[in-house]
Amino acid sequence: MRVVEIPYPDDLPEAMGKSPELFERQIRFLVAAKIYEMGQISSGRAAELAGMNRVEFLEELGRYRIPIFNYPLSELEQEIQEAQERAEKTN
């Protein structure tokens, strides 16, 4: 496994009211969350990158108000249209 190092000022975690360990965990999560949000990796891979299980990762996304579903607008519109067509057939 490869490792990325991100230098930061020694006083930054304290200035944010966090321990260095909590700060580094948050940075790791935020990197994984952003890559997931951009649609470049799955939630499972993002959870692995963040160092947590998938359920924890998805719950944490909610705390940051990051959507857990990554649908391009065109796919979402298509799904809505198909659902409406199915609903019309059952009526």
PDB file of N, CA and C in Angstrom:
ATOM      1  N   MET A   1       0.846  -1.180   0.000  1.00  0.00           N
ATOM      2  CA  MET A   1       0.000   0.000   0.000  1.00  0.00           C
ATOM      3  C   MET A   1       0.886   1.236   0.000  1.00  0.00           C
ATOM      4  N   ARG A   2       0.480   2.226  -0.760  1.00  0.00           N
ATOM      5  CA  ARG A   2       1.213   3.487  -0.828  1.00  0.00           C
ATOM      6  C   ARG A   2       0.651   4.451   0.205  1.00  0.00           C
ATOM      7  N   VAL A   3       1.427   5.455   0.545  1.00  0.00           N
ATOM      8  CA  VAL A   3       1.034   6.438   1.556  1.00  0.00           C
ATOM      9  C   VAL A   3       1.251   7.840   1.008  1.00  0.00           C
ATOM     10  N   VAL A   4       0.282   8.717   1.257  1.00  0.00           N
ATOM     11  CA  VAL A   4       0.400  10.133   0.904  1.00  0.00           C
ATOM     12  C   VAL A   4       0.651  10.901   2.192  1.00  0.00           C
ATOM     13  N   GLU A   5       1.622  11.768   2.170  1.00  0.00           N
ATOM     14  CA  GLU A   5       1.886  12.612   3.329  1.00  0.00           C
ATOM     15  C   GLU A   5       1.406  14.023   3.041  1.00  0.00           C
ATOM     16  N   ILE A   6       0.720  14.601   4.014  1.00  0.00           N
ATOM     17  CA  ILE A   6       0.237  15.972   3.880  1.00  0.00           C
ATOM     18  C   ILE A   6       0.792  16.778   5.050  1.00  0.00           C
ATOM     19  N   PRO A   7       1.758  17.632   4.776  1.00  0.00           N
ATOM     20  CA  PRO A   7       2.293  18.446   5.864  1.00  0.00           C
ATOM     21  C   PRO A   7       1.270  19.494   6.309  1.00  0.00           C
ATOM     22  N   TYR A   8       1.255  19.758   7.604  1.00  0.00           N
ATOM     23  CA  TYR A   8       0.381  20.803   8.140  1.00  0.00           C
ATOM     24  C   TYR A   8       1.050  21.411   9.365  1.00  0.00           C
ATOM     25  N   PRO A   9       0.726  22.654   9.678  1.00  0.00           N
ATOM     26  CA  PRO A   9       1.332  23.321  10.837  1.00  0.00           C
ATOM     27  C   PRO A   9       0.990  22.566  12.131  1.00  0.00           C
ATOM     28  N   ASP A  10       1.936  22.495  13.032  1.00  0.00           N
ATOM     29  CA  ASP A  10       1.752  21.775  14.297  1.00  0.00           C
ATOM     30  C   ASP A  10       0.549  22.271  15.091  1.00  0.00           C
ATOM     31  N   ASP A  11       0.265  23.564  14.989  1.00  0.00           N
ATOM     32  CA  ASP A  11      -0.807  24.135  15.800  1.00  0.00           C
ATOM     33  C   ASP A  11      -2.187  24.060  15.136  1.00  0.00           C
ATOM     34  N   LEU A  12      -2.269  23.585  13.906  1.00  0.00           N
ATOM     35  CA  LEU A  12      -3.551  23.576  13.193  1.00  0.00           C
ATOM     36  C   LEU A  12      -4.616  22.714  13.877  1.00  0.00           C
ATOM     37  N   PRO A  13      -4.327  21.466  14.255  1.00  0.00           N
ATOM     38  CA  PRO A  13      -5.379  20.680  14.924  1.00  0.00           C
ATOM     39  C   PRO A  13      -5.913  21.366  16.183  1.00  0.00           C
ATOM     40  N   GLU A  14      -5.024  21.886  16.993  1.00  0.00           N
ATOM     41  CA  GLU A  14      -5.444  22.556  18.227  1.00  0.00           C
ATOM     42  C   GLU A  14      -6.288  23.790  17.910  1.00  0.00           C
ATOM     43  N   ALA A  15      -5.900  24.542  16.878  1.00  0.00           N
ATOM     44  CA  ALA A  15      -6.665  25.726  16.483  1.00  0.00           C
ATOM     45  C   ALA A  15      -8.073  25.342  16.041  1.00  0.00           C
ATOM     46  N   MET A  16      -8.241  24.106  15.558  1.00  0.00           N
ATOM     47  CA  MET A  16      -9.544  23.613  15.131  1.00  0.00           C
ATOM     48  C   MET A  16     -10.260  22.854  16.252  1.00  0.00           C
ATOM     49  N   GLY A  17      -9.632  22.815  17.428  1.00  0.00           N
ATOM     50  CA  GLY A  17     -10.238  22.137  18.572  1.00  0.00           C
ATOM     51  C   GLY A  17     -10.191  20.625  18.477  1.00  0.00           C
ATOM     52  N   LYS A  18      -9.163  20.089  17.806  1.00  0.00           N
ATOM     53  CA  LYS A  18      -9.054  18.645  17.612  1.00  0.00           C
ATOM     54  C   LYS A  18      -7.681  18.155  18.049  1.00  0.00           C
ATOM     55  N   SER A  19      -7.620  16.892  18.367  1.00  0.00           N
ATOM     56  CA  SER A  19      -6.323  16.266  18.604  1.00  0.00           C
ATOM     57  C   SER A  19      -5.686  16.003  17.237  1.00  0.00           C
ATOM     58  N   PRO A  20      -4.366  15.852  17.188  1.00  0.00           N
ATOM     59  CA  PRO A  20      -3.733  15.534  15.898  1.00  0.00           C
ATOM     60  C   PRO A  20      -4.311  14.257  15.272  1.00  0.00           C
ATOM     61  N   GLU A  21      -4.621  13.262  16.086  1.00  0.00           N
ATOM     62  CA  GLU A  21      -5.171  11.997  15.572  1.00  0.00           C
ATOM     63  C   GLU A  21      -6.551  12.214  14.943  1.00  0.00           C
ATOM     64  N   LEU A  22      -7.399  12.964  15.626  1.00  0.00           N
ATOM     65  CA  LEU A  22      -8.740  13.237  15.106  1.00  0.00           C
ATOM     66  C   LEU A  22      -8.662  14.088  13.833  1.00  0.00           C
ATOM     67  N   PHE A  23      -7.789  15.066  13.828  1.00  0.00           N
ATOM     68  CA  PHE A  23      -7.593  15.911  12.655  1.00  0.00           C
ATOM     69  C   PHE A  23      -7.169  15.071  11.452  1.00  0.00           C
ATOM     70  N   GLU A  24      -6.212  14.178  11.642  1.00  0.00           N
ATOM     71  CA  GLU A  24      -5.720  13.348  10.544  1.00  0.00           C
ATOM     72  C   GLU A  24      -6.789  12.375  10.062  1.00  0.00           C
ATOM     73  N   ARG A  25      -7.592  11.838  10.973  1.00  0.00           N
ATOM     74  CA  ARG A  25      -8.709  10.972  10.581  1.00  0.00           C
ATOM     75  C   ARG A  25      -9.724  11.747   9.736  1.00  0.00           C
ATOM     76  N   GLN A  26      -9.987  12.993  10.150  1.00  0.00           N
ATOM     77  CA  GLN A  26     -10.940  13.825   9.419  1.00  0.00           C
ATOM     78  C   GLN A  26     -10.414  14.129   8.013  1.00  0.00           C
ATOM     79  N   ILE A  27      -9.149  14.444   7.891  1.00  0.00           N
ATOM     80  CA  ILE A  27      -8.550  14.716   6.579  1.00  0.00           C
ATOM     81  C   ILE A  27      -8.655  13.478   5.699  1.00  0.00           C
ATOM     82  N   ARG A  28      -8.347  12.324   6.264  1.00  0.00           N
ATOM     83  CA  ARG A  28      -8.423  11.065   5.510  1.00  0.00           C
ATOM     84  C   ARG A  28      -9.855  10.829   5.023  1.00  0.00           C
ATOM     85  N   PHE A  29     -10.840  11.053   5.894  1.00  0.00           N
ATOM     86  CA  PHE A  29     -12.236  10.887   5.506  1.00  0.00           C
ATOM     87  C   PHE A  29     -12.623  11.873   4.410  1.00  0.00           C
ATOM     88  N   LEU A  30     -12.251  13.144   4.588  1.00  0.00           N
ATOM     89  CA  LEU A  30     -12.655  14.168   3.624  1.00  0.00           C
ATOM     90  C   LEU A  30     -12.073  13.925   2.237  1.00  0.00           C
ATOM     91  N   VAL A  31     -10.857  13.432   2.173  1.00  0.00           N
ATOM     92  CA  VAL A  31     -10.266  13.095   0.871  1.00  0.00           C
ATOM     93  C   VAL A  31     -11.072  11.974   0.221  1.00  0.00           C
ATOM     94  N   ALA A  32     -11.351  10.924   0.982  1.00  0.00           N
ATOM     95  CA  ALA A  32     -12.134   9.802   0.451  1.00  0.00           C
ATOM     96  C   ALA A  32     -13.529  10.251   0.041  1.00  0.00           C
ATOM     97  N   ALA A  33     -14.152  11.093   0.859  1.00  0.00           N
ATOM     98  CA  ALA A  33     -15.503  11.569   0.572  1.00  0.00           C
ATOM     99  C   ALA A  33     -15.538  12.400  -0.706  1.00  0.00           C
ATOM    100  N   LYS A  34     -14.558  13.231  -0.913  1.00  0.00           N
ATOM    101  CA  LYS A  34     -14.540  14.075  -2.110  1.00  0.00           C
ATOM    102  C   LYS A  34     -14.341  13.230  -3.360  1.00  0.00           C
ATOM    103  N   ILE A  35     -13.446  12.260  -3.312  1.00  0.00           N
ATOM    104  CA  ILE A  35     -13.225  11.394  -4.472  1.00  0.00           C
ATOM    105  C   ILE A  35     -14.491  10.594  -4.769  1.00  0.00           C
ATOM    106  N   TYR A  36     -15.173  10.140  -3.716  1.00  0.00           N
ATOM    107  CA  TYR A  36     -16.450   9.441  -3.886  1.00  0.00           C
ATOM    108  C   TYR A  36     -17.503  10.376  -4.485  1.00  0.00           C
ATOM    109  N   GLU A  37     -17.602  11.573  -3.945  1.00  0.00           N
ATOM    110  CA  GLU A  37     -18.586  12.554  -4.413  1.00  0.00           C
ATOM    111  C   GLU A  37     -18.378  12.877  -5.893  1.00  0.00           C
ATOM    112  N   MET A  38     -17.144  12.870  -6.341  1.00  0.00           N
ATOM    113  CA  MET A  38     -16.830  13.141  -7.738  1.00  0.00           C
ATOM    114  C   MET A  38     -17.144  11.943  -8.633  1.00  0.00           C
ATOM    115  N   GLY A  39     -17.534  10.824  -8.021  1.00  0.00           N
ATOM    116  CA  GLY A  39     -17.917   9.643  -8.790  1.00  0.00           C
ATOM    117  C   GLY A  39     -16.746   8.826  -9.293  1.00  0.00           C
ATOM    118  N   GLN A  40     -15.572   9.016  -8.704  1.00  0.00           N
ATOM    119  CA  GLN A  40     -14.389   8.325  -9.196  1.00  0.00           C
ATOM    120  C   GLN A  40     -14.142   6.985  -8.510  1.00  0.00           C
ATOM    121  N   ILE A  41     -14.741   6.768  -7.333  1.00  0.00           N
ATOM    122  CA  ILE A  41     -14.618   5.480  -6.644  1.00  0.00           C
ATOM    123  C   ILE A  41     -15.956   5.127  -6.008  1.00  0.00           C
ATOM    124  N   SER A  42     -16.132   3.852  -5.709  1.00  0.00           N
ATOM    125  CA  SER A  42     -17.355   3.385  -5.058  1.00  0.00           C
ATOM    126  C   SER A  42     -17.337   3.743  -3.580  1.00  0.00           C
ATOM    127  N   SER A  43     -18.487   3.614  -2.945  1.00  0.00           N
ATOM    128  CA  SER A  43     -18.556   3.897  -1.503  1.00  0.00           C
ATOM    129  C   SER A  43     -17.719   2.894  -0.721  1.00  0.00           C
ATOM    130  N   GLY A  44     -17.652   1.666  -1.205  1.00  0.00           N
ATOM    131  CA  GLY A  44     -16.825   0.663  -0.525  1.00  0.00           C
ATOM    132  C   GLY A  44     -15.350   1.011  -0.566  1.00  0.00           C
ATOM    133  N   ARG A  45     -14.883   1.417  -1.739  1.00  0.00           N
ATOM    134  CA  ARG A  45     -13.471   1.811  -1.866  1.00  0.00           C
ATOM    135  C   ARG A  45     -13.194   3.078  -1.069  1.00  0.00           C
ATOM    136  N   ALA A  46     -14.139   4.016  -1.082  1.00  0.00           N
ATOM    137  CA  ALA A  46     -13.969   5.255  -0.322  1.00  0.00           C
ATOM    138  C   ALA A  46     -13.893   4.947   1.171  1.00  0.00           C
ATOM    139  N   ALA A  47     -14.739   4.029   1.627  1.00  0.00           N
ATOM    140  CA  ALA A  47     -14.710   3.635   3.041  1.00  0.00           C
ATOM    141  C   ALA A  47     -13.360   3.028   3.390  1.00  0.00           C
ATOM    142  N   GLU A  48     -12.861   2.183   2.503  1.00  0.00           N
ATOM    143  CA  GLU A  48     -11.542   1.574   2.713  1.00  0.00           C
ATOM    144  C   GLU A  48     -10.464   2.650   2.800  1.00  0.00           C
ATOM    145  N   LEU A  49     -10.516   3.615   1.902  1.00  0.00           N
ATOM    146  CA  LEU A  49      -9.551   4.715   1.906  1.00  0.00           C
ATOM    147  C   LEU A  49      -9.655   5.533   3.191  1.00  0.00           C
ATOM    148  N   ALA A  50     -10.876   5.710   3.685  1.00  0.00           N
ATOM    149  CA  ALA A  50     -11.102   6.481   4.908  1.00  0.00           C
ATOM    150  C   ALA A  50     -10.752   5.696   6.169  1.00  0.00           C
ATOM    151  N   GLY A  51     -10.537   4.392   6.024  1.00  0.00           N
ATOM    152  CA  GLY A  51     -10.187   3.573   7.186  1.00  0.00           C
ATOM    153  C   GLY A  51     -11.395   3.218   8.037  1.00  0.00           C
ATOM    154  N   MET A  52     -12.551   3.046   7.404  1.00  0.00           N
ATOM    155  CA  MET A  52     -13.764   2.690   8.144  1.00  0.00           C
ATOM    156  C   MET A  52     -14.576   1.709   7.313  1.00  0.00           C
ATOM    157  N   ASN A  53     -15.609   1.133   7.917  1.00  0.00           N
ATOM    158  CA  ASN A  53     -16.461   0.245   7.133  1.00  0.00           C
ATOM    159  C   ASN A  53     -17.454   1.083   6.331  1.00  0.00           C
ATOM    160  N   ARG A  54     -18.112   0.432   5.386  1.00  0.00           N
ATOM    161  CA  ARG A  54     -18.987   1.147   4.446  1.00  0.00           C
ATOM    162  C   ARG A  54     -20.140   1.849   5.157  1.00  0.00           C
ATOM    163  N   VAL A  55     -20.764   1.197   6.128  1.00  0.00           N
ATOM    164  CA  VAL A  55     -21.891   1.800   6.846  1.00  0.00           C
ATOM    165  C   VAL A  55     -21.435   3.047   7.594  1.00  0.00           C
ATOM    166  N   GLU A  56     -20.314   2.955   8.284  1.00  0.00           N
ATOM    167  CA  GLU A  56     -19.775   4.129   8.988  1.00  0.00           C
ATOM    168  C   GLU A  56     -19.491   5.267   8.010  1.00  0.00           C
ATOM    169  N   PHE A  57     -18.914   4.909   6.855  1.00  0.00           N
ATOM    170  CA  PHE A  57     -18.595   5.920   5.853  1.00  0.00           C
ATOM    171  C   PHE A  57     -19.858   6.630   5.371  1.00  0.00           C
ATOM    172  N   LEU A  58     -20.893   5.848   5.050  1.00  0.00           N
ATOM    173  CA  LEU A  58     -22.136   6.437   4.565  1.00  0.00           C
ATOM    174  C   LEU A  58     -22.796   7.311   5.629  1.00  0.00           C
ATOM    175  N   GLU A  59     -22.744   6.883   6.890  1.00  0.00           N
ATOM    176  CA  GLU A  59     -23.293   7.698   7.977  1.00  0.00           C
ATOM    177  C   GLU A  59     -22.522   9.001   8.126  1.00  0.00           C
ATOM    178  N   GLU A  60     -21.217   8.913   7.993  1.00  0.00           N
ATOM    179  CA  GLU A  60     -20.383  10.116   8.113  1.00  0.00           C
ATOM    180  C   GLU A  60     -20.655  11.078   6.955  1.00  0.00           C
ATOM    181  N   LEU A  61     -20.911  10.538   5.762  1.00  0.00           N
ATOM    182  CA  LEU A  61     -21.281  11.408   4.633  1.00  0.00           C
ATOM    183  C   LEU A  61     -22.501  12.244   5.005  1.00  0.00           C
ATOM    184  N   GLY A  62     -23.477  11.610   5.641  1.00  0.00           N
ATOM    185  CA  GLY A  62     -24.685  12.316   6.056  1.00  0.00           C
ATOM    186  C   GLY A  62     -24.390  13.445   7.017  1.00  0.00           C
ATOM    187  N   ARG A  63     -23.452  13.233   7.924  1.00  0.00           N
ATOM    188  CA  ARG A  63     -23.090  14.285   8.887  1.00  0.00           C
ATOM    189  C   ARG A  63     -22.495  15.509   8.185  1.00  0.00           C
ATOM    190  N   TYR A  64     -21.839  15.268   7.065  1.00  0.00           N
ATOM    191  CA  TYR A  64     -21.234  16.362   6.299  1.00  0.00           C
ATOM    192  C   TYR A  64     -22.152  16.848   5.173  1.00  0.00           C
ATOM    193  N   ARG A  65     -23.357  16.280   5.125  1.00  0.00           N
ATOM    194  CA  ARG A  65     -24.347  16.624   4.091  1.00  0.00           C
ATOM    195  C   ARG A  65     -23.825  16.386   2.684  1.00  0.00           C
ATOM    196  N   ILE A  66     -23.091  15.292   2.543  1.00  0.00           N
ATOM    197  CA  ILE A  66     -22.609  14.856   1.235  1.00  0.00           C
ATOM    198  C   ILE A  66     -23.565  13.767   0.770  1.00  0.00           C
ATOM    199  N   PRO A  67     -24.158  13.917  -0.415  1.00  0.00           N
ATOM    200  CA  PRO A  67     -25.126  12.913  -0.879  1.00  0.00           C
ATOM    201  C   PRO A  67     -24.497  11.530  -0.997  1.00  0.00           C
ATOM    202  N   ILE A  68     -25.246  10.513  -0.582  1.00  0.00           N
ATOM    203  CA  ILE A  68     -24.717   9.151  -0.683  1.00  0.00           C
ATOM    204  C   ILE A  68     -24.981   8.547  -2.051  1.00  0.00           C
ATOM    205  N   PHE A  69     -25.881   9.151  -2.822  1.00  0.00           N
ATOM    206  CA  PHE A  69     -26.166   8.669  -4.169  1.00  0.00           C
ATOM    207  C   PHE A  69     -25.499   9.586  -5.173  1.00  0.00           C
ATOM    208  N   ASN A  70     -24.767   8.998  -6.081  1.00  0.00           N
ATOM    209  CA  ASN A  70     -24.062   9.777  -7.104  1.00  0.00           C
ATOM    210  C   ASN A  70     -24.652   9.491  -8.472  1.00  0.00           C
ATOM    211  N   TYR A  71     -25.796  10.082  -8.736  1.00  0.00           N
ATOM    212  CA  TYR A  71     -26.415   9.932 -10.044  1.00  0.00           C
ATOM    213  C   TYR A  71     -26.170  11.186 -10.854  1.00  0.00           C
ATOM    214  N   PRO A  72     -25.685  11.024 -12.082  1.00  0.00           N
ATOM    215  CA  PRO A  72     -25.676  12.195 -12.957  1.00  0.00           C
ATOM    216  C   PRO A  72     -27.124  12.620 -13.195  1.00  0.00           C
ATOM    217  N   LEU A  73     -27.347  13.893 -13.408  1.00  0.00           N
ATOM    218  CA  LEU A  73     -28.693  14.421 -13.578  1.00  0.00           C
ATOM    219  C   LEU A  73     -29.443  13.684 -14.685  1.00  0.00           C
ATOM    220  N   SER A  74     -28.769  13.371 -15.785  1.00  0.00           N
ATOM    221  CA  SER A  74     -29.432  12.681 -16.900  1.00  0.00           C
ATOM    222  C   SER A  74     -29.947  11.304 -16.472  1.00  0.00           C
ATOM    223  N   GLU A  75     -29.152  10.565 -15.664  1.00  0.00           N
ATOM    224  CA  GLU A  75     -29.591   9.253 -15.184  1.00  0.00           C
ATOM    225  C   GLU A  75     -30.762   9.389 -14.228  1.00  0.00           C
ATOM    226  N   LEU A  76     -30.710  10.383 -13.383  1.00  0.00           N
ATOM    227  CA  LEU A  76     -31.793  10.609 -12.434  1.00  0.00           C
ATOM    228  C   LEU A  76     -33.083  10.942 -13.168  1.00  0.00           C
ATOM    229  N   GLU A  77     -33.000  11.806 -14.163  1.00  0.00           N
ATOM    230  CA  GLU A  77     -34.180  12.156 -14.954  1.00  0.00           C
ATOM    231  C   GLU A  77     -34.754  10.932 -15.658  1.00  0.00           C
ATOM    232  N   GLN A  78     -33.876  10.077 -16.180  1.00  0.00           N
ATOM    233  CA  GLN A  78     -34.309   8.848 -16.847  1.00  0.00           C
ATOM    234  C   GLN A  78     -35.028   7.932 -15.855  1.00  0.00           C
ATOM    235  N   GLU A  79     -34.482   7.785 -14.666  1.00  0.00           N
ATOM    236  CA  GLU A  79     -35.108   6.936 -13.640  1.00  0.00           C
ATOM    237  C   GLU A  79     -36.475   7.478 -13.244  1.00  0.00           C
ATOM    238  N   ILE A  80     -36.591   8.790 -13.120  1.00  0.00           N
ATOM    239  CA  ILE A  80     -37.881   9.402 -12.764  1.00  0.00           C
ATOM    240  C   ILE A  80     -38.899   9.153 -13.875  1.00  0.00           C
ATOM    241  N   GLN A  81     -38.480   9.330 -15.112  1.00  0.00           N
ATOM    242  CA  GLN A  81     -39.376   9.110 -16.243  1.00  0.00           C
ATOM    243  C   GLN A  81     -39.849   7.652 -16.281  1.00  0.00           C
ATOM    244  N   GLU A  82     -38.940   6.711 -16.087  1.00  0.00           N
ATOM    245  CA  GLU A  82     -39.307   5.298 -16.097  1.00  0.00           C
ATOM    246  C   GLU A  82     -40.260   4.964 -14.953  1.00  0.00           C
ATOM    247  N   ALA A  83     -40.032   5.559 -13.797  1.00  0.00           N
ATOM    248  CA  ALA A  83     -40.924   5.322 -12.650  1.00  0.00           C
ATOM    249  C   ALA A  83     -42.318   5.872 -12.933  1.00  0.00           C
ATOM    250  N   GLN A  84     -42.378   7.039 -13.554  1.00  0.00           N
ATOM    251  CA  GLN A  84     -43.670   7.625 -13.889  1.00  0.00           C
ATOM    252  C   GLN A  84     -44.416   6.750 -14.902  1.00  0.00           C
ATOM    253  N   GLU A  85     -43.696   6.225 -15.875  1.00  0.00           N
ATOM    254  CA  GLU A  85     -44.314   5.346 -16.871  1.00  0.00           C
ATOM    255  C   GLU A  85     -44.842   4.071 -16.222  1.00  0.00           C
ATOM    256  N   ARG A  86     -44.087   3.500 -15.293  1.00  0.00           N
ATOM    257  CA  ARG A  86     -44.544   2.294 -14.579  1.00  0.00           C
ATOM    258  C   ARG A  86     -45.779   2.607 -13.759  1.00  0.00           C
ATOM    259  N   ALA A  87     -45.791   3.788 -13.115  1.00  0.00           N
ATOM    260  CA  ALA A  87     -46.933   4.183 -12.298  1.00  0.00           C
ATOM    261  C   ALA A  87     -48.183   4.347 -13.152  1.00  0.00           C
ATOM    262  N   GLU A  88     -48.033   4.908 -14.346  1.00  0.00           N
ATOM    263  CA  GLU A  88     -49.175   5.093 -15.250  1.00  0.00           C
ATOM    264  C   GLU A  88     -49.746   3.756 -15.705  1.00  0.00           C
ATOM    265  N   LYS A  89     -48.898   2.764 -15.895  1.00  0.00           N
ATOM    266  CA  LYS A  89     -49.342   1.436 -16.339  1.00  0.00           C
ATOM    267  C   LYS A  89     -50.159   0.726 -15.246  1.00  0.00           C
ATOM    268  N   THR A  90     -49.851   0.993 -13.991  1.00  0.00           N
ATOM    269  CA  THR A  90     -50.551   0.329 -12.900  1.00  0.00           C
ATOM    270  C   THR A  90     -51.878   1.011 -12.562  1.00  0.00           C
ATOM    271  N   ASN A  91     -52.083   2.217 -13.043  1.00  0.00           N
ATOM    272  CA  ASN A  91     -53.323   2.946 -12.752  1.00  0.00           C
ATOM    273  C   ASN A  91     -54.401   2.590 -13.682  1.00  0.00           C
TER     274      ASN A  91
END
